[in-house]
Amino acid sequence: MGEGFKENLDEMPENQLQQSPIYRESIQSDAGKTLGILFKGTKHKGFIPTWAIALVVLGAIATGGFSLYILIDSQSTLGVNFFSTPETLPPLLSEKAISGLGRIEPKEETIKLSARGGQGLGQPSDKLQELFVEVGDRVREGQVIAILDSRDRLLQALEVAKQQVKIAQANLDKVRAGTRTGDIDAQKAEIARLKAQIPRELEGQQAAIARLEAQQRGETLTQEAAIARLEAQLSGDIAAQEATIQRLAAELEGNIQAQQATIDRLYAELDNAQTEYWRHEQLYREGAISQSLFDTKRLAVQTGQERLKEADAVLQEMLITGREKINEAQVILTRIMQTGNKQIAEAKANLERINTTSNAEITQAQTNFKRILETGNEQVNQASSILNSLMEVRPVDVTVAQSEVDRAIAAVSQAQVDLDQAYIRSPINGRVLDIFTRPGELISNDGIVEIGQTDRMYVVAEIYETDISQVRLGQRALITSDAIASELAGTVDQIGWKIGKRDILDTDPTADVDVRVVEVKIRLDPEDSEKVSRLTNSQVEVKIDI
């Protein structure tokens, strides 16, 4: 190689040869030293023979050629191009630089997708039914990553909730249509009975008058029998009406107890829902749960409150209706007692009048005839009023039925929310970095998959708190690692706001693991970012130019 350089030097013009860096370095080093050794102590100071100069030049050329060979060989070994243009050189750091350990990660922190355990109270944790991605796959925001095995059950629950809406709507339509046909028919039958009873009673009274006229003297015994009959009838009517009052009171008490039990149960459910809401509210504030789960607990409280209001309204309506029925029955009992006692008194008076005068008895019989007619008409009018009230649609009944429809619709919305949560979707555009759960397995503590935005890679460096004051945004940084063939370059993009303990462990056993550090994010240059897109969490060494 030395002779080759010599031939090139022989062909090179003298002025170009003198400007060659290799020539100057060789002359300044090897030639000077060689001449000093050869002519040390010569008595011809300042004179150098031509042959000596030639010899020294040849030696320098040989030494320079060998040095150049070593330089080129080192370039190929280290991967550094010393003859490249300035634009391709890695960024040079100044003499002052801040060092620290770091790790490689995507632009945003990686996301571990998971699912809430157990769709609905009392349900076991979900298993993974289907998985649509593998490690390294690209995913887009909103893409379905996996499906939980609760999907089919929740789909069925949604269909059941929709059917409940239809049932509640049908009940609302029935309430709006009016009272049940059976109750209306029964009241109509009661009116028909009363109307048929009036002629019969009138007929009886007319017969009594005729009988009084025909048997002025023999009617004493008949009147006494009538008195006994009226007393027995009054006793029977009183007993029957008291039994009716007792039955209505017992029904009212039973209905109140049942409704109160329902209210107590709703109070307990509301209390549980409120407790769940408060607990999830704290978790939501801490960011431990999603907005949809927090909204679900709040909806449960609201639903419980509405159901409790509805139950209270039903209880009040039950009390009002029951008391009205009892009061009406007591009014009828009073009327029966008054009418019966009056009839008995009148019968006794008739008996006395029969003994006194038949004409007085006939007059009294006619009076009774008129009273029977008036009483019958009054009973018919009262029964007709009750019939009209039965045929009337009460707003409170419509309100209760409408509330049931609204509650069923809310249940459909809740079932749809639960079903949507059975589909695990990617929240970002990124790449699948790892898979923690496979189909058929319970959701692991790490979730289902880990996703990161690997198109833009960063280095998170841990800088000592004593050095952080010297770090500024925009400073250049040099990154090295045993896992990377060449150095990486980047720019300080973010400086942390808190001081913590070191998270990246050093291999040096004497290193202080309790040192206080601040995390600094370094944005890698685009060409270097692509090189490490597969090295998430790889440990690196960082130097920041100050």
Protein backbone atom coordinates (compact mmCIF):
# COMPACT_ATOMS: atom_id res chain seq x y z
CA MET A 1 0.00 0.00 0.00
CA GLY A 2 2.94 2.33 0.66
CA GLU A 3 4.22 1.97 -2.92
CA GLY A 4 0.77 2.70 -4.29
CA PHE A 5 0.70 5.94 -2.36
CA LYS A 6 4.20 6.70 -3.59
CA GLU A 7 3.13 6.35 -7.22
CA ASN A 8 0.19 8.70 -6.56
CA LEU A 9 2.48 11.18 -4.93
CA ASP A 10 4.92 11.04 -7.86
CA GLU A 11 2.10 11.88 -10.27
CA MET A 12 0.62 14.63 -8.01
CA PRO A 13 1.74 18.24 -8.67
CA GLU A 14 3.99 19.69 -6.01
CA ASN A 15 1.60 22.41 -4.85
CA GLN A 16 -1.29 19.85 -4.51
CA LEU A 17 1.00 17.45 -2.69
CA GLN A 18 1.94 20.08 -0.14
CA GLN A 19 -1.73 20.86 0.49
CA SER A 20 -2.60 17.18 1.19
CA PRO A 21 -3.47 16.71 4.92
CA ILE A 22 -1.86 13.27 4.92
CA TYR A 23 1.32 14.67 3.45
CA ARG A 24 1.51 17.50 5.94
CA GLU A 25 0.76 15.22 8.90
CA SER A 26 3.33 12.68 7.75
CA ILE A 27 6.00 15.32 7.21
CA GLN A 28 5.23 16.98 10.52
CA SER A 29 5.34 13.74 12.46
CA ASP A 30 7.23 10.87 10.87
CA ALA A 31 9.52 12.90 8.62
CA GLY A 32 10.60 15.29 11.35
CA LYS A 33 11.27 12.48 13.74
CA THR A 34 13.17 10.44 11.14
CA LEU A 35 15.34 13.36 10.05
CA GLY A 36 16.10 14.20 13.64
CA ILE A 37 17.31 10.67 14.28
CA LEU A 38 19.36 10.38 11.06
CA PHE A 39 21.15 13.65 11.39
CA LYS A 40 21.37 13.98 15.11
CA GLY A 41 24.82 15.31 15.89
CA THR A 42 25.87 15.97 12.25
CA LYS A 43 28.33 18.69 11.80
CA HIS A 44 26.56 19.93 8.68
CA LYS A 45 23.75 21.68 10.43
CA GLY A 46 21.04 22.97 8.15
CA PHE A 47 22.09 20.68 5.32
CA ILE A 48 20.01 17.60 4.43
CA PRO A 49 21.12 15.36 1.58
CA THR A 50 18.70 14.61 -1.24
CA TRP A 51 18.83 10.89 -0.68
CA ALA A 52 17.85 11.34 2.97
CA ILE A 53 14.86 13.45 2.07
CA ALA A 54 13.67 10.80 -0.40
CA LEU A 55 14.08 8.08 2.18
CA VAL A 56 12.06 9.99 4.78
CA VAL A 57 9.27 10.80 2.32
CA LEU A 58 8.90 7.15 1.34
CA GLY A 59 8.66 6.11 5.00
CA ALA A 60 6.05 8.78 5.72
CA ILE A 61 3.98 7.68 2.73
CA ALA A 62 4.02 4.08 3.92
CA THR A 63 3.01 5.09 7.44
CA GLY A 64 0.22 7.38 6.17
CA GLY A 65 -1.16 4.69 3.90
CA PHE A 66 -1.32 2.26 6.77
CA SER A 67 -3.12 4.86 8.91
CA LEU A 68 -5.65 5.50 6.16
CA TYR A 69 -6.31 1.75 5.86
CA ILE A 70 -6.98 1.53 9.60
CA LEU A 71 -9.35 4.50 9.36
CA ILE A 72 -11.36 2.97 6.51
CA ASP A 73 -11.52 -0.40 8.22
CA SER A 74 -12.78 1.23 11.43
CA GLN A 75 -15.46 3.03 9.42
CA SER A 76 -16.83 -0.23 8.08
CA THR A 77 -16.69 -1.90 11.52
CA LEU A 78 -18.38 0.85 13.55
CA GLY A 79 -20.89 1.86 10.91
CA VAL A 80 -19.73 5.49 10.87
CA ASN A 81 -19.05 7.23 7.57
CA PHE A 82 -16.24 9.72 8.19
CA PHE A 83 -16.36 10.91 4.60
CA SER A 84 -20.11 11.54 4.51
CA THR A 85 -21.63 14.95 4.06
CA PRO A 86 -22.40 17.05 7.19
CA GLU A 87 -26.15 16.45 6.76
CA THR A 88 -25.85 12.68 7.41
CA LEU A 89 -23.64 12.93 10.49
CA PRO A 90 -25.27 12.23 13.88
CA PRO A 91 -25.77 15.35 16.04
CA LEU A 92 -22.66 16.19 17.97
CA LEU A 93 -23.07 17.05 21.65
CA SER A 94 -21.14 19.79 23.35
CA GLU A 95 -18.66 18.99 26.05
CA LYS A 96 -21.42 19.48 28.64
CA ALA A 97 -24.22 16.94 28.55
CA ILE A 98 -26.73 15.46 31.01
CA SER A 99 -26.91 11.67 31.14
CA GLY A 100 -29.62 9.34 32.32
CA LEU A 101 -31.35 6.04 31.71
CA GLY A 102 -34.51 5.85 29.65
CA ARG A 103 -36.99 3.60 27.91
CA ILE A 104 -38.53 3.59 24.44
CA GLU A 105 -42.31 3.94 24.15
CA PRO A 106 -44.90 5.18 21.62
CA LYS A 107 -45.94 8.83 21.44
CA GLU A 108 -48.80 8.30 23.86
CA GLU A 109 -48.63 5.78 26.68
CA THR A 110 -49.73 2.30 25.71
CA ILE A 111 -53.34 1.35 26.40
CA LYS A 112 -54.45 -1.97 27.87
CA LEU A 113 -57.97 -2.73 26.70
CA SER A 114 -60.14 -4.60 29.16
CA ALA A 115 -63.80 -5.08 30.07
CA ARG A 116 -65.76 -4.64 33.27
CA GLY A 117 -66.19 -7.94 35.06
CA GLY A 118 -69.68 -9.39 35.19
CA GLN A 119 -72.37 -7.72 33.09
CA GLY A 120 -75.04 -7.08 35.69
CA LEU A 121 -75.30 -7.84 39.40
CA GLY A 122 -74.53 -11.39 40.43
CA GLN A 123 -73.00 -12.33 37.07
CA PRO A 124 -69.54 -13.99 36.89
CA SER A 125 -66.61 -12.35 35.16
CA ASP A 126 -66.77 -12.44 31.38
CA LYS A 127 -64.76 -14.73 29.16
CA LEU A 128 -63.37 -13.79 25.79
CA GLN A 129 -65.42 -15.34 22.99
CA GLU A 130 -63.74 -13.99 19.85
CA LEU A 131 -60.48 -12.14 19.16
CA PHE A 132 -59.96 -10.45 15.78
CA VAL A 133 -56.33 -9.23 16.00
CA GLU A 134 -52.83 -10.58 16.45
CA VAL A 135 -49.63 -8.98 17.72
CA GLY A 136 -48.37 -6.41 15.22
CA ASP A 137 -51.75 -5.77 13.56
CA ARG A 138 -52.72 -2.18 12.90
CA VAL A 139 -56.08 -1.09 14.32
CA ARG A 140 -58.16 2.03 13.85
CA GLU A 141 -60.25 3.96 16.32
CA GLY A 142 -63.62 2.29 16.93
CA GLN A 143 -62.58 -1.04 15.37
CA VAL A 144 -63.97 -4.13 17.14
CA ILE A 145 -61.01 -5.92 18.73
CA ALA A 146 -62.84 -8.69 20.56
CA ILE A 147 -66.27 -9.94 21.66
CA LEU A 148 -67.11 -11.17 25.17
CA ASP A 149 -69.07 -14.35 25.79
CA SER A 150 -71.77 -12.29 27.50
CA ARG A 151 -72.81 -10.92 24.08
CA ASP A 152 -75.51 -13.57 23.44
CA ARG A 153 -76.95 -13.28 26.95
CA LEU A 154 -77.07 -9.49 26.75
CA LEU A 155 -78.64 -9.67 23.30
CA GLN A 156 -81.39 -11.88 24.73
CA ALA A 157 -81.82 -9.46 27.65
CA LEU A 158 -82.29 -6.65 25.16
CA GLU A 159 -85.03 -8.59 23.36
CA VAL A 160 -86.77 -9.33 26.68
CA ALA A 161 -86.64 -5.62 27.57
CA LYS A 162 -88.21 -4.74 24.22
CA GLN A 163 -91.04 -7.21 24.87
CA GLN A 164 -91.60 -5.59 28.27
CA VAL A 165 -92.12 -2.27 26.50
CA LYS A 166 -94.85 -3.85 24.38
CA ILE A 167 -96.53 -5.30 27.47
CA ALA A 168 -96.41 -1.97 29.32
CA GLN A 169 -97.78 -0.16 26.27
CA ALA A 170 -100.64 -2.63 25.99
CA ASN A 171 -101.48 -2.10 29.67
CA LEU A 172 -101.45 1.69 29.11
CA ASP A 173 -103.86 1.28 26.20
CA LYS A 174 -106.13 -0.85 28.36
CA VAL A 175 -106.16 1.75 31.15
CA ARG A 176 -106.97 4.50 28.69
CA ALA A 177 -109.85 2.37 27.37
CA GLY A 178 -111.49 2.34 30.82
CA THR A 179 -112.43 -0.04 33.64
CA ARG A 180 -112.64 -3.76 33.06
CA THR A 181 -115.80 -4.90 31.27
CA GLY A 182 -116.63 -7.34 34.06
CA ASP A 183 -116.91 -4.59 36.69
CA ILE A 184 -119.09 -2.48 34.41
CA ASP A 185 -121.38 -5.44 33.63
CA ALA A 186 -121.73 -6.22 37.34
CA GLN A 187 -122.80 -2.66 38.11
CA LYS A 188 -125.28 -2.71 35.25
CA ALA A 189 -126.72 -5.91 36.67
CA GLU A 190 -127.10 -4.21 40.05
CA ILE A 191 -129.06 -1.35 38.45
CA ALA A 192 -131.30 -3.85 36.65
CA ARG A 193 -131.93 -5.64 39.93
CA LEU A 194 -132.89 -2.42 41.69
CA LYS A 195 -135.23 -1.41 38.88
CA ALA A 196 -136.89 -4.83 38.98
CA GLN A 197 -137.16 -4.68 42.75
CA ILE A 198 -139.18 -1.44 42.81
CA PRO A 199 -142.24 -2.82 40.99
CA ARG A 200 -142.18 -5.89 43.14
CA GLU A 201 -142.11 -3.84 46.33
CA LEU A 202 -144.87 -1.60 45.00
CA GLU A 203 -146.90 -4.62 44.17
CA GLY A 204 -146.49 -5.95 47.64
CA GLN A 205 -147.57 -2.69 49.15
CA GLN A 206 -150.63 -2.55 46.93
CA ALA A 207 -151.47 -6.06 47.99
CA ALA A 208 -151.12 -4.98 51.58
CA ILE A 209 -153.51 -2.12 51.02
CA ALA A 210 -155.99 -4.46 49.36
CA ARG A 211 -155.53 -6.91 52.12
CA LEU A 212 -156.14 -4.19 54.69
CA GLU A 213 -159.27 -3.17 52.94
CA ALA A 214 -160.50 -6.80 52.64
CA GLN A 215 -159.56 -7.88 56.07
CA GLN A 216 -159.85 -4.96 58.35
CA ARG A 217 -159.98 -7.08 61.40
CA GLY A 218 -157.88 -10.07 60.42
CA GLU A 219 -154.81 -8.02 59.53
CA THR A 220 -153.66 -7.71 63.09
CA LEU A 221 -151.95 -11.09 62.93
CA THR A 222 -150.63 -10.35 59.46
CA GLN A 223 -149.16 -7.07 60.65
CA GLU A 224 -147.47 -8.73 63.55
CA ALA A 225 -145.97 -11.24 61.14
CA ALA A 226 -144.84 -8.33 59.00
CA ILE A 227 -143.18 -6.74 62.00
CA ALA A 228 -141.33 -10.00 62.74
CA ARG A 229 -140.31 -10.28 59.13
CA LEU A 230 -139.02 -6.72 59.05
CA GLU A 231 -137.01 -7.28 62.19
CA ALA A 232 -135.46 -10.44 60.75
CA GLN A 233 -134.76 -8.73 57.45
CA LEU A 234 -133.12 -5.81 59.23
CA SER A 235 -130.99 -8.16 61.27
CA GLY A 236 -129.93 -10.04 58.15
CA ASP A 237 -129.26 -6.86 56.18
CA ILE A 238 -127.23 -5.43 59.06
CA ALA A 239 -125.21 -8.66 59.39
CA ALA A 240 -124.61 -8.83 55.64
CA GLN A 241 -123.56 -5.17 55.44
CA GLU A 242 -121.28 -5.48 58.48
CA ALA A 243 -119.68 -8.52 56.83
CA THR A 244 -119.18 -6.43 53.70
CA ILE A 245 -117.55 -3.65 55.76
CA GLN A 246 -115.27 -6.18 57.49
CA ARG A 247 -114.35 -7.72 54.16
CA LEU A 248 -113.52 -4.29 52.67
CA ALA A 249 -111.49 -3.38 55.76
CA ALA A 250 -109.58 -6.68 55.60
CA GLU A 251 -108.91 -6.24 51.87
CA LEU A 252 -107.71 -2.69 52.46
CA GLU A 253 -105.43 -3.78 55.29
CA GLY A 254 -104.01 -6.62 53.21
CA ASN A 255 -103.44 -4.36 50.21
CA ILE A 256 -101.78 -1.73 52.42
CA GLN A 257 -99.48 -4.32 53.99
CA ALA A 258 -98.52 -5.71 50.58
CA GLN A 259 -97.93 -2.24 49.13
CA GLN A 260 -95.98 -1.19 52.23
CA ALA A 261 -93.79 -4.28 51.81
CA THR A 262 -93.20 -3.23 48.22
CA ILE A 263 -92.28 0.29 49.37
CA ASP A 264 -89.90 -1.13 52.02
CA ARG A 265 -88.25 -3.28 49.36
CA LEU A 266 -87.93 -0.29 47.01
CA TYR A 267 -86.45 1.77 49.85
CA ALA A 268 -83.85 -0.97 50.41
CA GLU A 269 -83.08 -1.17 46.68
CA LEU A 270 -82.79 2.62 46.48
CA ASP A 271 -80.47 2.63 49.49
CA ASN A 272 -78.26 0.01 47.81
CA ALA A 273 -78.33 1.92 44.52
CA GLN A 274 -77.42 5.17 46.34
CA THR A 275 -74.51 3.44 48.09
CA GLU A 276 -73.29 2.06 44.74
CA TYR A 277 -73.68 5.52 43.20
CA TRP A 278 -71.58 7.20 45.91
CA ARG A 279 -68.89 4.56 45.66
CA HIS A 280 -68.72 4.77 41.84
CA GLU A 281 -68.82 8.57 42.02
CA GLN A 282 -65.55 8.48 44.02
CA LEU A 283 -64.09 5.96 41.58
CA TYR A 284 -65.18 8.13 38.65
CA ARG A 285 -63.53 11.19 40.15
CA GLU A 286 -60.36 9.19 40.59
CA GLY A 287 -60.56 8.06 36.95
CA ALA A 288 -60.90 4.40 37.93
CA ILE A 289 -64.11 3.79 35.96
CA SER A 290 -65.66 4.95 32.69
CA GLN A 291 -68.31 7.62 32.16
CA SER A 292 -70.83 4.98 30.91
CA LEU A 293 -70.49 2.88 34.10
CA PHE A 294 -70.87 6.00 36.33
CA ASP A 295 -73.98 7.02 34.31
CA THR A 296 -75.37 3.50 34.79
CA LYS A 297 -75.16 3.79 38.60
CA ARG A 298 -76.72 7.25 38.54
CA LEU A 299 -79.56 5.93 36.34
CA ALA A 300 -80.14 3.12 38.83
CA VAL A 301 -80.65 5.71 41.63
CA GLN A 302 -83.01 7.78 39.49
CA THR A 303 -84.97 4.67 38.49
CA GLY A 304 -85.25 3.60 42.14
CA GLN A 305 -86.54 7.04 43.12
CA GLU A 306 -89.16 6.96 40.37
CA ARG A 307 -90.29 3.49 41.32
CA LEU A 308 -90.56 4.56 44.98
CA LYS A 309 -92.66 7.57 44.00
CA GLU A 310 -94.91 5.32 41.94
CA ALA A 311 -95.30 2.88 44.83
CA ASP A 312 -96.17 5.73 47.22
CA ALA A 313 -98.73 7.03 44.72
CA VAL A 314 -100.27 3.55 44.45
CA LEU A 315 -100.44 3.29 48.26
CA GLN A 316 -102.14 6.68 48.58
CA GLU A 317 -104.62 5.78 45.85
CA MET A 318 -105.23 2.46 47.54
CA LEU A 319 -105.92 4.20 50.87
CA ILE A 320 -108.29 6.72 49.29
CA THR A 321 -110.17 4.11 47.27
CA GLY A 322 -110.40 1.65 50.16
CA ARG A 323 -111.61 4.26 52.61
CA GLU A 324 -114.19 5.50 50.11
CA LYS A 325 -115.55 1.98 49.70
CA ILE A 326 -115.70 1.46 53.47
CA ASN A 327 -117.39 4.82 53.99
CA GLU A 328 -119.93 4.00 51.30
CA ALA A 329 -120.59 0.62 52.92
CA GLN A 330 -121.00 2.28 56.32
CA VAL A 331 -123.42 4.80 54.80
CA ILE A 332 -125.42 1.91 53.32
CA LEU A 333 -125.39 0.14 56.71
CA THR A 334 -126.66 3.28 58.40
CA ARG A 335 -129.34 3.61 55.78
CA ILE A 336 -130.34 -0.06 56.18
CA MET A 337 -130.54 0.32 59.92
CA GLN A 338 -132.51 3.53 59.65
CA THR A 339 -134.84 2.14 56.99
CA GLY A 340 -135.32 -1.19 58.73
CA ASN A 341 -135.93 0.35 62.14
CA LYS A 342 -138.26 2.82 60.60
CA GLN A 343 -140.14 0.08 58.78
CA ILE A 344 -140.45 -1.88 61.98
CA ALA A 345 -141.66 1.17 63.86
CA GLU A 346 -144.11 1.90 61.14
CA ALA A 347 -145.28 -1.70 61.11
CA LYS A 348 -145.90 -1.52 64.81
CA ALA A 349 -147.68 1.74 64.34
CA ASN A 350 -149.68 0.11 61.60
CA LEU A 351 -150.58 -2.64 63.96
CA GLU A 352 -151.75 -0.12 66.45
CA ARG A 353 -153.60 1.78 63.79
CA ILE A 354 -155.15 -1.46 62.50
CA ASN A 355 -156.49 -2.00 65.94
CA THR A 356 -157.73 1.56 65.92
CA THR A 357 -158.97 2.04 62.44
CA SER A 358 -158.62 0.30 59.14
CA ASN A 359 -158.63 3.60 57.32
CA ALA A 360 -155.54 4.70 59.16
CA GLU A 361 -153.86 1.47 58.22
CA ILE A 362 -154.74 1.94 54.54
CA THR A 363 -153.36 5.47 54.64
CA GLN A 364 -150.16 4.31 56.20
CA ALA A 365 -149.88 1.55 53.60
CA GLN A 366 -150.19 4.13 50.85
CA THR A 367 -147.50 6.22 52.51
CA ASN A 368 -145.27 3.19 52.57
CA PHE A 369 -146.00 2.66 48.91
CA LYS A 370 -144.71 6.14 48.06
CA ARG A 371 -141.65 5.77 50.24
CA ILE A 372 -140.72 2.48 48.59
CA LEU A 373 -140.93 4.14 45.21
CA GLU A 374 -138.71 7.05 46.29
CA THR A 375 -136.15 4.79 47.97
CA GLY A 376 -135.98 2.55 44.93
CA ASN A 377 -135.45 5.50 42.61
CA GLU A 378 -132.73 6.85 44.92
CA GLN A 379 -130.94 3.48 44.91
CA VAL A 380 -131.16 3.31 41.13
CA ASN A 381 -129.73 6.83 40.82
CA GLN A 382 -126.87 6.00 43.18
CA ALA A 383 -126.04 2.81 41.30
CA SER A 384 -126.11 4.73 38.04
CA SER A 385 -123.66 7.27 39.50
CA ILE A 386 -121.30 4.44 40.47
CA LEU A 387 -121.57 3.02 36.96
CA ASN A 388 -120.62 6.38 35.48
CA SER A 389 -117.57 6.60 37.76
CA LEU A 390 -116.47 3.09 36.71
CA MET A 391 -116.67 4.04 33.05
CA GLU A 392 -114.57 7.17 33.66
CA VAL A 393 -110.80 6.91 32.98
CA ARG A 394 -108.89 8.33 35.97
CA PRO A 395 -105.74 10.39 35.18
CA VAL A 396 -103.84 8.79 38.05
CA ASP A 397 -104.27 5.33 36.51
CA VAL A 398 -103.04 6.63 33.16
CA THR A 399 -100.04 8.25 34.87
CA VAL A 400 -99.07 5.00 36.60
CA ALA A 401 -99.39 3.01 33.37
CA GLN A 402 -97.35 5.63 31.47
CA SER A 403 -94.63 5.42 34.12
CA GLU A 404 -94.44 1.67 33.57
CA VAL A 405 -93.96 2.28 29.84
CA ASP A 406 -91.21 4.84 30.51
CA ARG A 407 -89.48 2.45 32.91
CA ALA A 408 -89.58 -0.35 30.32
CA ILE A 409 -88.10 1.99 27.68
CA ALA A 410 -85.32 2.94 30.10
CA ALA A 411 -84.64 -0.76 30.66
CA VAL A 412 -84.22 -1.18 26.88
CA SER A 413 -81.68 1.65 26.82
CA GLN A 414 -79.79 0.07 29.71
CA ALA A 415 -79.82 -3.34 28.01
CA GLN A 416 -78.44 -1.73 24.84
CA VAL A 417 -75.63 -0.08 26.84
CA ASP A 418 -74.76 -3.44 28.43
CA LEU A 419 -74.77 -5.13 25.01
CA ASP A 420 -72.46 -2.47 23.51
CA GLN A 421 -69.96 -3.17 26.29
CA ALA A 422 -69.69 -6.78 25.13
CA TYR A 423 -67.93 -5.46 22.00
CA ILE A 424 -64.36 -4.35 22.84
CA ARG A 425 -63.34 -1.51 20.51
CA SER A 426 -60.01 0.24 19.99
CA PRO A 427 -60.04 3.81 21.37
CA ILE A 428 -57.17 4.94 19.13
CA ASN A 429 -55.40 4.34 15.84
CA GLY A 430 -52.37 2.21 16.62
CA ARG A 431 -50.75 -1.20 16.59
CA VAL A 432 -51.29 -4.28 18.76
CA LEU A 433 -48.21 -4.66 20.98
CA ASP A 434 -49.26 -7.64 23.09
CA ILE A 435 -52.19 -10.03 23.72
CA PHE A 436 -53.03 -11.04 27.30
CA THR A 437 -56.26 -13.00 26.87
CA ARG A 438 -57.23 -15.60 24.27
CA PRO A 439 -60.74 -16.85 23.34
CA GLY A 440 -62.20 -19.03 26.07
CA GLU A 441 -60.14 -17.41 28.85
CA LEU A 442 -61.32 -15.13 31.62
CA ILE A 443 -60.22 -11.51 31.18
CA SER A 444 -56.77 -11.32 32.80
CA ASN A 445 -55.67 -8.63 35.23
CA ASP A 446 -53.69 -7.04 32.39
CA GLY A 447 -56.78 -6.86 30.17
CA ILE A 448 -57.18 -8.26 26.67
CA VAL A 449 -54.67 -6.49 24.42
CA GLU A 450 -52.14 -3.68 24.64
CA ILE A 451 -52.21 -0.98 21.94
CA GLY A 452 -49.76 1.81 21.21
CA GLN A 453 -49.16 4.48 18.54
CA THR A 454 -45.86 3.18 17.16
CA ASP A 455 -45.79 5.55 14.19
CA ARG A 456 -44.15 8.11 16.43
CA MET A 457 -41.71 6.78 19.05
CA TYR A 458 -40.41 8.64 22.08
CA VAL A 459 -37.74 8.06 24.70
CA VAL A 460 -38.69 8.66 28.34
CA ALA A 461 -35.48 9.63 30.15
CA GLU A 462 -35.08 9.76 33.92
CA ILE A 463 -33.01 12.87 34.77
CA TYR A 464 -31.69 13.55 38.25
CA GLU A 465 -33.59 16.28 40.06
CA THR A 466 -30.26 18.12 40.51
CA ASP A 467 -29.83 18.31 36.71
CA ILE A 468 -33.41 19.00 35.63
CA SER A 469 -32.99 22.80 35.88
CA GLN A 470 -30.56 22.61 32.94
CA VAL A 471 -33.01 20.80 30.64
CA ARG A 472 -35.00 22.90 28.17
CA LEU A 473 -37.54 22.14 25.47
CA GLY A 474 -35.92 21.82 22.06
CA GLN A 475 -32.54 20.56 23.32
CA ARG A 476 -30.98 17.78 21.25
CA ALA A 477 -30.34 14.35 22.70
CA LEU A 478 -28.28 11.31 21.76
CA ILE A 479 -29.63 7.81 22.59
CA THR A 480 -27.66 4.56 22.65
CA SER A 481 -28.44 0.98 23.57
CA ASP A 482 -26.99 -2.49 23.19
CA ALA A 483 -30.18 -3.46 21.34
CA ILE A 484 -29.68 -0.75 18.68
CA ALA A 485 -26.93 -0.93 16.05
CA SER A 486 -26.53 2.84 15.71
CA GLU A 487 -27.08 5.92 17.80
CA LEU A 488 -30.47 7.61 17.82
CA ALA A 489 -31.16 11.34 17.85
CA GLY A 490 -34.08 13.30 19.17
CA THR A 491 -35.36 16.55 20.67
CA VAL A 492 -36.63 17.28 24.18
CA ASP A 493 -40.40 17.58 23.74
CA GLN A 494 -41.81 17.45 27.27
CA ILE A 495 -40.47 17.91 30.81
CA GLY A 496 -42.28 16.26 33.71
CA TRP A 497 -43.96 18.20 36.50
CA LYS A 498 -43.22 15.88 39.41
CA ILE A 499 -40.24 14.18 41.03
CA GLY A 500 -40.31 10.47 41.77
CA LYS A 501 -38.13 7.44 42.35
CA ARG A 502 -36.18 5.82 39.57
CA ASP A 503 -38.27 3.36 37.60
CA ILE A 504 -35.62 2.12 35.15
CA LEU A 505 -33.14 -0.18 36.88
CA ASP A 506 -29.43 0.25 36.21
CA THR A 507 -27.20 -2.79 35.79
CA ASP A 508 -24.58 -1.13 37.98
CA PRO A 509 -24.87 -2.80 41.45
CA THR A 510 -23.53 0.35 43.11
CA ALA A 511 -26.21 2.60 41.57
CA ASP A 512 -28.55 4.42 43.94
CA VAL A 513 -32.03 2.98 43.31
CA ASP A 514 -33.69 5.58 45.58
CA VAL A 515 -32.41 8.56 43.63
CA ARG A 516 -35.02 11.22 42.82
CA VAL A 517 -35.64 11.79 39.11
CA VAL A 518 -37.87 13.69 36.70
CA GLU A 519 -39.21 12.11 33.50
CA VAL A 520 -38.25 13.92 30.29
CA LYS A 521 -39.85 12.90 26.97
CA ILE A 522 -37.60 13.04 23.90
CA ARG A 523 -39.17 12.97 20.44
CA LEU A 524 -37.05 10.79 18.16
CA ASP A 525 -36.23 11.98 14.67
CA PRO A 526 -38.54 10.38 12.08
CA GLU A 527 -35.90 8.08 10.58
CA ASP A 528 -34.81 6.90 14.04
CA SER A 529 -38.41 6.52 15.23
CA GLU A 530 -39.03 3.95 12.50
CA LYS A 531 -35.97 1.96 13.54
CA VAL A 532 -37.27 1.33 17.08
CA SER A 533 -41.00 0.92 16.38
CA ARG A 534 -40.67 -2.72 17.52
CA LEU A 535 -38.63 -1.95 20.67
CA THR A 536 -41.26 -0.58 23.07
CA ASN A 537 -39.97 -0.55 26.70
CA SER A 538 -36.37 -1.18 25.56
CA GLN A 539 -33.84 0.36 28.01
CA VAL A 540 -31.52 3.02 26.59
CA GLU A 541 -28.90 5.51 27.71
CA VAL A 542 -29.59 9.18 27.06
CA LYS A 543 -27.35 12.23 26.79
CA ILE A 544 -28.96 15.67 26.52
CA ASP A 545 -26.92 18.54 25.11
CA ILE A 546 -26.97 21.59 27.37
